[in-house]
Amino acid sequence: QVQLVESGGGLVQAGGSLRLSCAASESISSINAMGWYRQAPGKQRELVTTITSGGSTNYADSVKGRFTISRDNAKNTVYLQMNSLKFEDTAVYYCYARKVKPIWTSWGQGTQVTVSS
């Protein structure tokens, strides 16, 4: 099973930017989809964005126009560029990877993003 390690979280002022990284332990070329979920204290996990092996992307309405997901197959890494951050973006962000055949899902340990007002 692929191991995922997130990094890049931290404290940022509202309106600022952060870039999260998700490093995989093996090739990500054959992984059908990778992306990011987030979870704030006391709230349910929320899907933020997904990128497929073919490069298609999808974003939650709350982050459209502000967040950008990308992948670098040579580095086995997925990135999440977060711009114009809002207080409501404060959460632990989790990287995930999903295969369809066979079906499995892998999760990173999470990285904290805190946006101050």
N, C-alpha and C. Protein backbone atom coordinates (compact mmCIF):
# COMPACT_ATOMS: atom_id res chain seq x y z
N GLN A 1 0.85 -1.19 0.00
CA GLN A 1 0.00 0.00 0.00
C GLN A 1 0.89 1.24 0.00
N VAL A 2 0.53 2.22 -0.80
CA VAL A 2 1.31 3.43 -0.89
C VAL A 2 1.24 4.21 0.42
N GLN A 3 2.38 4.76 0.82
CA GLN A 3 2.45 5.61 2.00
C GLN A 3 2.46 7.07 1.56
N LEU A 4 1.69 7.91 2.25
CA LEU A 4 1.56 9.32 1.90
C LEU A 4 1.97 10.18 3.08
N VAL A 5 2.78 11.20 2.82
CA VAL A 5 3.25 12.10 3.85
C VAL A 5 3.00 13.54 3.41
N GLU A 6 2.18 14.26 4.19
CA GLU A 6 1.88 15.65 3.88
C GLU A 6 2.88 16.58 4.57
N SER A 7 3.06 17.74 3.98
CA SER A 7 3.88 18.78 4.57
C SER A 7 3.44 20.13 4.02
N GLY A 8 3.90 21.20 4.65
CA GLY A 8 3.64 22.53 4.16
C GLY A 8 2.59 23.31 4.92
N GLY A 9 1.94 22.68 5.88
CA GLY A 9 0.95 23.39 6.67
C GLY A 9 1.61 24.39 7.61
N GLY A 10 0.78 25.24 8.20
CA GLY A 10 1.28 26.23 9.12
C GLY A 10 0.25 27.30 9.39
N LEU A 11 0.73 28.39 9.96
CA LEU A 11 -0.11 29.54 10.31
C LEU A 11 0.07 30.62 9.26
N VAL A 12 -1.05 31.15 8.77
CA VAL A 12 -1.00 32.19 7.76
C VAL A 12 -2.15 33.17 8.01
N GLN A 13 -1.92 34.42 7.66
CA GLN A 13 -2.97 35.43 7.79
C GLN A 13 -3.99 35.30 6.68
N ALA A 14 -5.21 35.71 6.96
CA ALA A 14 -6.25 35.72 5.94
C ALA A 14 -5.77 36.51 4.72
N GLY A 15 -6.03 35.97 3.55
CA GLY A 15 -5.55 36.56 2.32
C GLY A 15 -4.21 36.04 1.85
N GLY A 16 -3.53 35.30 2.70
CA GLY A 16 -2.23 34.76 2.37
C GLY A 16 -2.32 33.45 1.62
N SER A 17 -1.15 32.83 1.41
CA SER A 17 -1.06 31.61 0.62
C SER A 17 -0.20 30.56 1.31
N LEU A 18 -0.49 29.30 1.02
CA LEU A 18 0.32 28.17 1.44
C LEU A 18 0.33 27.14 0.32
N ARG A 19 1.38 26.35 0.25
CA ARG A 19 1.42 25.22 -0.66
C ARG A 19 1.67 23.95 0.12
N LEU A 20 0.73 23.03 0.03
CA LEU A 20 0.86 21.73 0.67
C LEU A 20 1.45 20.73 -0.31
N SER A 21 2.24 19.80 0.23
CA SER A 21 2.82 18.74 -0.57
C SER A 21 2.40 17.39 -0.02
N CYS A 22 2.20 16.44 -0.90
CA CYS A 22 1.89 15.07 -0.52
C CYS A 22 2.86 14.16 -1.25
N ALA A 23 3.83 13.62 -0.52
CA ALA A 23 4.85 12.76 -1.10
C ALA A 23 4.45 11.30 -0.94
N ALA A 24 4.46 10.56 -2.04
CA ALA A 24 4.10 9.15 -2.04
C ALA A 24 5.35 8.28 -2.03
N SER A 25 5.23 7.10 -1.45
CA SER A 25 6.36 6.20 -1.30
C SER A 25 6.69 5.42 -2.57
N GLU A 26 5.83 5.48 -3.56
CA GLU A 26 6.04 4.77 -4.80
C GLU A 26 5.42 5.55 -5.94
N SER A 27 5.56 5.02 -7.14
CA SER A 27 5.05 5.70 -8.33
C SER A 27 3.56 6.00 -8.21
N ILE A 28 3.19 7.21 -8.60
CA ILE A 28 1.78 7.61 -8.57
C ILE A 28 1.15 7.57 -9.95
N SER A 29 1.91 7.16 -10.95
CA SER A 29 1.42 7.18 -12.32
C SER A 29 0.20 6.30 -12.52
N SER A 30 0.14 5.18 -11.81
CA SER A 30 -0.95 4.23 -11.98
C SER A 30 -2.09 4.43 -10.99
N ILE A 31 -1.98 5.42 -10.13
CA ILE A 31 -3.04 5.69 -9.16
C ILE A 31 -4.13 6.51 -9.85
N ASN A 32 -5.36 6.04 -9.77
CA ASN A 32 -6.45 6.65 -10.52
C ASN A 32 -6.73 8.08 -10.11
N ALA A 33 -6.72 8.34 -8.80
CA ALA A 33 -7.03 9.67 -8.32
C ALA A 33 -6.28 9.96 -7.04
N MET A 34 -5.87 11.20 -6.88
CA MET A 34 -5.28 11.67 -5.65
C MET A 34 -5.89 13.03 -5.35
N GLY A 35 -5.86 13.40 -4.08
CA GLY A 35 -6.43 14.68 -3.73
C GLY A 35 -6.34 14.98 -2.26
N TRP A 36 -7.21 15.86 -1.83
CA TRP A 36 -7.15 16.37 -0.46
C TRP A 36 -8.54 16.44 0.16
N TYR A 37 -8.64 15.99 1.39
CA TYR A 37 -9.77 16.24 2.27
C TYR A 37 -9.31 17.17 3.39
N ARG A 38 -10.27 17.77 4.07
CA ARG A 38 -9.94 18.55 5.25
C ARG A 38 -10.99 18.32 6.31
N GLN A 39 -10.59 18.51 7.56
CA GLN A 39 -11.49 18.33 8.68
C GLN A 39 -11.16 19.35 9.76
N ALA A 40 -12.16 20.15 10.09
CA ALA A 40 -12.05 21.10 11.18
C ALA A 40 -12.57 20.46 12.46
N PRO A 41 -12.11 20.92 13.62
CA PRO A 41 -12.58 20.34 14.88
C PRO A 41 -14.09 20.37 15.00
N GLY A 42 -14.68 19.24 15.35
CA GLY A 42 -16.12 19.15 15.52
C GLY A 42 -16.92 19.08 14.25
N LYS A 43 -16.26 19.02 13.10
CA LYS A 43 -16.95 18.97 11.82
C LYS A 43 -16.56 17.72 11.06
N GLN A 44 -17.40 17.34 10.11
CA GLN A 44 -17.14 16.16 9.30
C GLN A 44 -16.08 16.44 8.24
N ARG A 45 -15.46 15.36 7.79
CA ARG A 45 -14.47 15.46 6.74
C ARG A 45 -15.11 15.97 5.45
N GLU A 46 -14.41 16.86 4.76
CA GLU A 46 -14.90 17.50 3.56
C GLU A 46 -13.93 17.28 2.41
N LEU A 47 -14.43 16.85 1.28
CA LEU A 47 -13.60 16.71 0.09
C LEU A 47 -13.28 18.08 -0.47
N VAL A 48 -12.00 18.36 -0.66
CA VAL A 48 -11.56 19.66 -1.15
C VAL A 48 -11.31 19.62 -2.65
N THR A 49 -10.52 18.64 -3.10
CA THR A 49 -10.15 18.59 -4.51
C THR A 49 -9.60 17.23 -4.87
N THR A 50 -9.69 16.90 -6.15
CA THR A 50 -9.21 15.63 -6.68
C THR A 50 -8.54 15.87 -8.03
N ILE A 51 -7.49 15.11 -8.31
CA ILE A 51 -6.89 15.09 -9.63
C ILE A 51 -6.72 13.64 -10.06
N THR A 52 -7.11 13.33 -11.29
CA THR A 52 -7.02 11.98 -11.81
C THR A 52 -5.68 11.75 -12.49
N SER A 53 -5.40 10.49 -12.81
CA SER A 53 -4.16 10.17 -13.51
C SER A 53 -4.10 10.83 -14.88
N GLY A 54 -5.25 11.13 -15.46
CA GLY A 54 -5.31 11.81 -16.74
C GLY A 54 -5.25 13.32 -16.65
N GLY A 55 -5.23 13.85 -15.45
CA GLY A 55 -5.09 15.29 -15.26
C GLY A 55 -6.38 16.05 -15.03
N SER A 56 -7.51 15.36 -15.02
CA SER A 56 -8.77 16.03 -14.74
C SER A 56 -8.82 16.45 -13.27
N THR A 57 -9.42 17.59 -13.01
CA THR A 57 -9.51 18.10 -11.64
C THR A 57 -10.94 18.43 -11.27
N ASN A 58 -11.19 18.43 -9.98
CA ASN A 58 -12.48 18.77 -9.44
C ASN A 58 -12.25 19.50 -8.12
N TYR A 59 -13.07 20.50 -7.84
CA TYR A 59 -12.92 21.31 -6.64
C TYR A 59 -14.25 21.50 -5.95
N ALA A 60 -14.19 21.56 -4.63
CA ALA A 60 -15.36 21.97 -3.87
C ALA A 60 -15.69 23.42 -4.20
N ASP A 61 -16.98 23.75 -4.19
CA ASP A 61 -17.38 25.11 -4.52
C ASP A 61 -16.71 26.14 -3.61
N SER A 62 -16.46 25.78 -2.38
CA SER A 62 -15.91 26.71 -1.42
C SER A 62 -14.47 27.12 -1.72
N VAL A 63 -13.77 26.36 -2.56
CA VAL A 63 -12.37 26.67 -2.85
C VAL A 63 -12.11 26.97 -4.31
N LYS A 64 -13.11 26.88 -5.16
CA LYS A 64 -12.93 27.16 -6.58
C LYS A 64 -12.40 28.57 -6.79
N GLY A 65 -11.41 28.68 -7.66
CA GLY A 65 -10.80 29.96 -7.94
C GLY A 65 -9.72 30.36 -6.98
N ARG A 66 -9.58 29.63 -5.87
CA ARG A 66 -8.57 29.95 -4.87
C ARG A 66 -7.52 28.85 -4.72
N PHE A 67 -7.94 27.59 -4.84
CA PHE A 67 -7.04 26.45 -4.66
C PHE A 67 -6.75 25.81 -6.01
N THR A 68 -5.54 25.28 -6.15
CA THR A 68 -5.14 24.57 -7.36
C THR A 68 -4.40 23.29 -6.99
N ILE A 69 -4.85 22.16 -7.52
CA ILE A 69 -4.17 20.90 -7.29
C ILE A 69 -3.34 20.55 -8.52
N SER A 70 -2.18 19.96 -8.29
CA SER A 70 -1.32 19.53 -9.38
C SER A 70 -0.54 18.30 -8.94
N ARG A 71 0.04 17.59 -9.92
CA ARG A 71 0.84 16.42 -9.58
C ARG A 71 2.10 16.38 -10.42
N ASP A 72 3.17 15.89 -9.83
CA ASP A 72 4.45 15.73 -10.49
C ASP A 72 4.81 14.26 -10.40
N ASN A 73 4.57 13.52 -11.46
CA ASN A 73 4.79 12.08 -11.44
C ASN A 73 6.27 11.73 -11.22
N ALA A 74 7.17 12.55 -11.75
CA ALA A 74 8.59 12.29 -11.59
C ALA A 74 9.02 12.37 -10.13
N LYS A 75 8.36 13.21 -9.35
CA LYS A 75 8.67 13.36 -7.94
C LYS A 75 7.72 12.60 -7.03
N ASN A 76 6.76 11.90 -7.62
CA ASN A 76 5.76 11.15 -6.85
C ASN A 76 5.08 12.05 -5.82
N THR A 77 4.73 13.24 -6.24
CA THR A 77 4.21 14.24 -5.31
C THR A 77 3.00 14.95 -5.90
N VAL A 78 2.02 15.18 -5.05
CA VAL A 78 0.85 15.99 -5.37
C VAL A 78 0.91 17.26 -4.54
N TYR A 79 0.52 18.37 -5.14
CA TYR A 79 0.58 19.66 -4.48
C TYR A 79 -0.81 20.27 -4.39
N LEU A 80 -1.00 21.09 -3.37
CA LEU A 80 -2.19 21.90 -3.25
C LEU A 80 -1.77 23.34 -2.99
N GLN A 81 -1.92 24.18 -4.00
CA GLN A 81 -1.64 25.60 -3.85
C GLN A 81 -2.89 26.29 -3.35
N MET A 82 -2.79 26.95 -2.22
CA MET A 82 -3.93 27.60 -1.59
C MET A 82 -3.67 29.10 -1.53
N ASN A 83 -4.48 29.86 -2.24
CA ASN A 83 -4.38 31.31 -2.28
C ASN A 83 -5.62 31.94 -1.67
N SER A 84 -5.51 33.21 -1.34
CA SER A 84 -6.63 33.97 -0.77
C SER A 84 -7.29 33.21 0.36
N LEU A 85 -6.47 32.74 1.28
CA LEU A 85 -6.97 31.90 2.36
C LEU A 85 -7.93 32.66 3.27
N LYS A 86 -8.94 31.95 3.73
CA LYS A 86 -9.94 32.49 4.63
C LYS A 86 -9.87 31.77 5.97
N PHE A 87 -10.43 32.40 6.99
CA PHE A 87 -10.48 31.77 8.30
C PHE A 87 -11.19 30.42 8.23
N GLU A 88 -12.20 30.33 7.40
CA GLU A 88 -12.97 29.10 7.25
C GLU A 88 -12.17 27.95 6.65
N ASP A 89 -11.01 28.23 6.10
CA ASP A 89 -10.15 27.18 5.56
C ASP A 89 -9.34 26.46 6.64
N THR A 90 -9.40 26.96 7.86
CA THR A 90 -8.66 26.34 8.96
C THR A 90 -9.13 24.91 9.18
N ALA A 91 -8.19 23.97 9.13
CA ALA A 91 -8.52 22.55 9.25
C ALA A 91 -7.24 21.74 9.18
N VAL A 92 -7.37 20.45 9.48
CA VAL A 92 -6.31 19.50 9.17
C VAL A 92 -6.57 19.00 7.76
N TYR A 93 -5.57 19.08 6.92
CA TYR A 93 -5.69 18.67 5.53
C TYR A 93 -5.03 17.30 5.34
N TYR A 94 -5.77 16.37 4.73
CA TYR A 94 -5.32 15.00 4.53
C TYR A 94 -5.20 14.69 3.05
N CYS A 95 -4.06 14.21 2.65
CA CYS A 95 -3.88 13.72 1.30
C CYS A 95 -4.45 12.31 1.19
N TYR A 96 -5.01 11.99 0.03
CA TYR A 96 -5.50 10.63 -0.20
C TYR A 96 -5.14 10.17 -1.60
N ALA A 97 -5.09 8.86 -1.75
CA ALA A 97 -4.88 8.22 -3.03
C ALA A 97 -5.90 7.12 -3.19
N ARG A 98 -6.43 6.98 -4.40
CA ARG A 98 -7.50 6.01 -4.65
C ARG A 98 -7.23 5.23 -5.92
N LYS A 99 -7.35 3.90 -5.80
CA LYS A 99 -7.29 3.01 -6.94
C LYS A 99 -8.66 2.40 -7.16
N VAL A 100 -8.97 2.10 -8.40
CA VAL A 100 -10.25 1.50 -8.76
C VAL A 100 -10.12 0.00 -8.99
N LYS A 101 -9.07 -0.43 -9.69
CA LYS A 101 -8.82 -1.84 -9.96
C LYS A 101 -7.40 -2.21 -9.58
N PRO A 102 -7.19 -2.85 -8.42
CA PRO A 102 -8.18 -3.15 -7.39
C PRO A 102 -8.55 -1.91 -6.60
N ILE A 103 -9.64 -1.99 -5.88
CA ILE A 103 -10.11 -0.85 -5.10
C ILE A 103 -9.37 -0.75 -3.78
N TRP A 104 -8.75 0.39 -3.54
CA TRP A 104 -8.18 0.70 -2.24
C TRP A 104 -8.03 2.21 -2.10
N THR A 105 -7.89 2.65 -0.86
CA THR A 105 -7.70 4.06 -0.54
C THR A 105 -6.61 4.18 0.52
N SER A 106 -5.72 5.13 0.35
CA SER A 106 -4.65 5.38 1.30
C SER A 106 -4.72 6.83 1.76
N TRP A 107 -4.34 7.06 3.01
CA TRP A 107 -4.42 8.39 3.63
C TRP A 107 -3.09 8.79 4.24
N GLY A 108 -2.79 10.08 4.17
CA GLY A 108 -1.66 10.62 4.88
C GLY A 108 -2.01 10.93 6.33
N GLN A 109 -1.03 11.41 7.07
CA GLN A 109 -1.22 11.66 8.50
C GLN A 109 -1.89 13.00 8.79
N GLY A 110 -1.93 13.87 7.81
CA GLY A 110 -2.54 15.18 7.96
C GLY A 110 -1.54 16.27 8.28
N THR A 111 -1.85 17.48 7.84
CA THR A 111 -1.05 18.64 8.17
C THR A 111 -1.99 19.79 8.52
N GLN A 112 -1.67 20.51 9.59
CA GLN A 112 -2.54 21.55 10.11
C GLN A 112 -2.37 22.84 9.33
N VAL A 113 -3.49 23.41 8.91
CA VAL A 113 -3.52 24.74 8.30
C VAL A 113 -4.37 25.63 9.19
N THR A 114 -3.79 26.72 9.66
CA THR A 114 -4.50 27.66 10.51
C THR A 114 -4.44 29.04 9.87
N VAL A 115 -5.60 29.62 9.65
CA VAL A 115 -5.71 30.94 9.03
C VAL A 115 -6.22 31.92 10.07
N SER A 116 -5.45 32.94 10.35
CA SER A 116 -5.84 33.95 11.32
C SER A 116 -6.60 35.08 10.63
N SER A 117 -7.51 35.70 11.36
CA SER A 117 -8.32 36.77 10.80
C SER A 117 -7.55 38.07 10.75
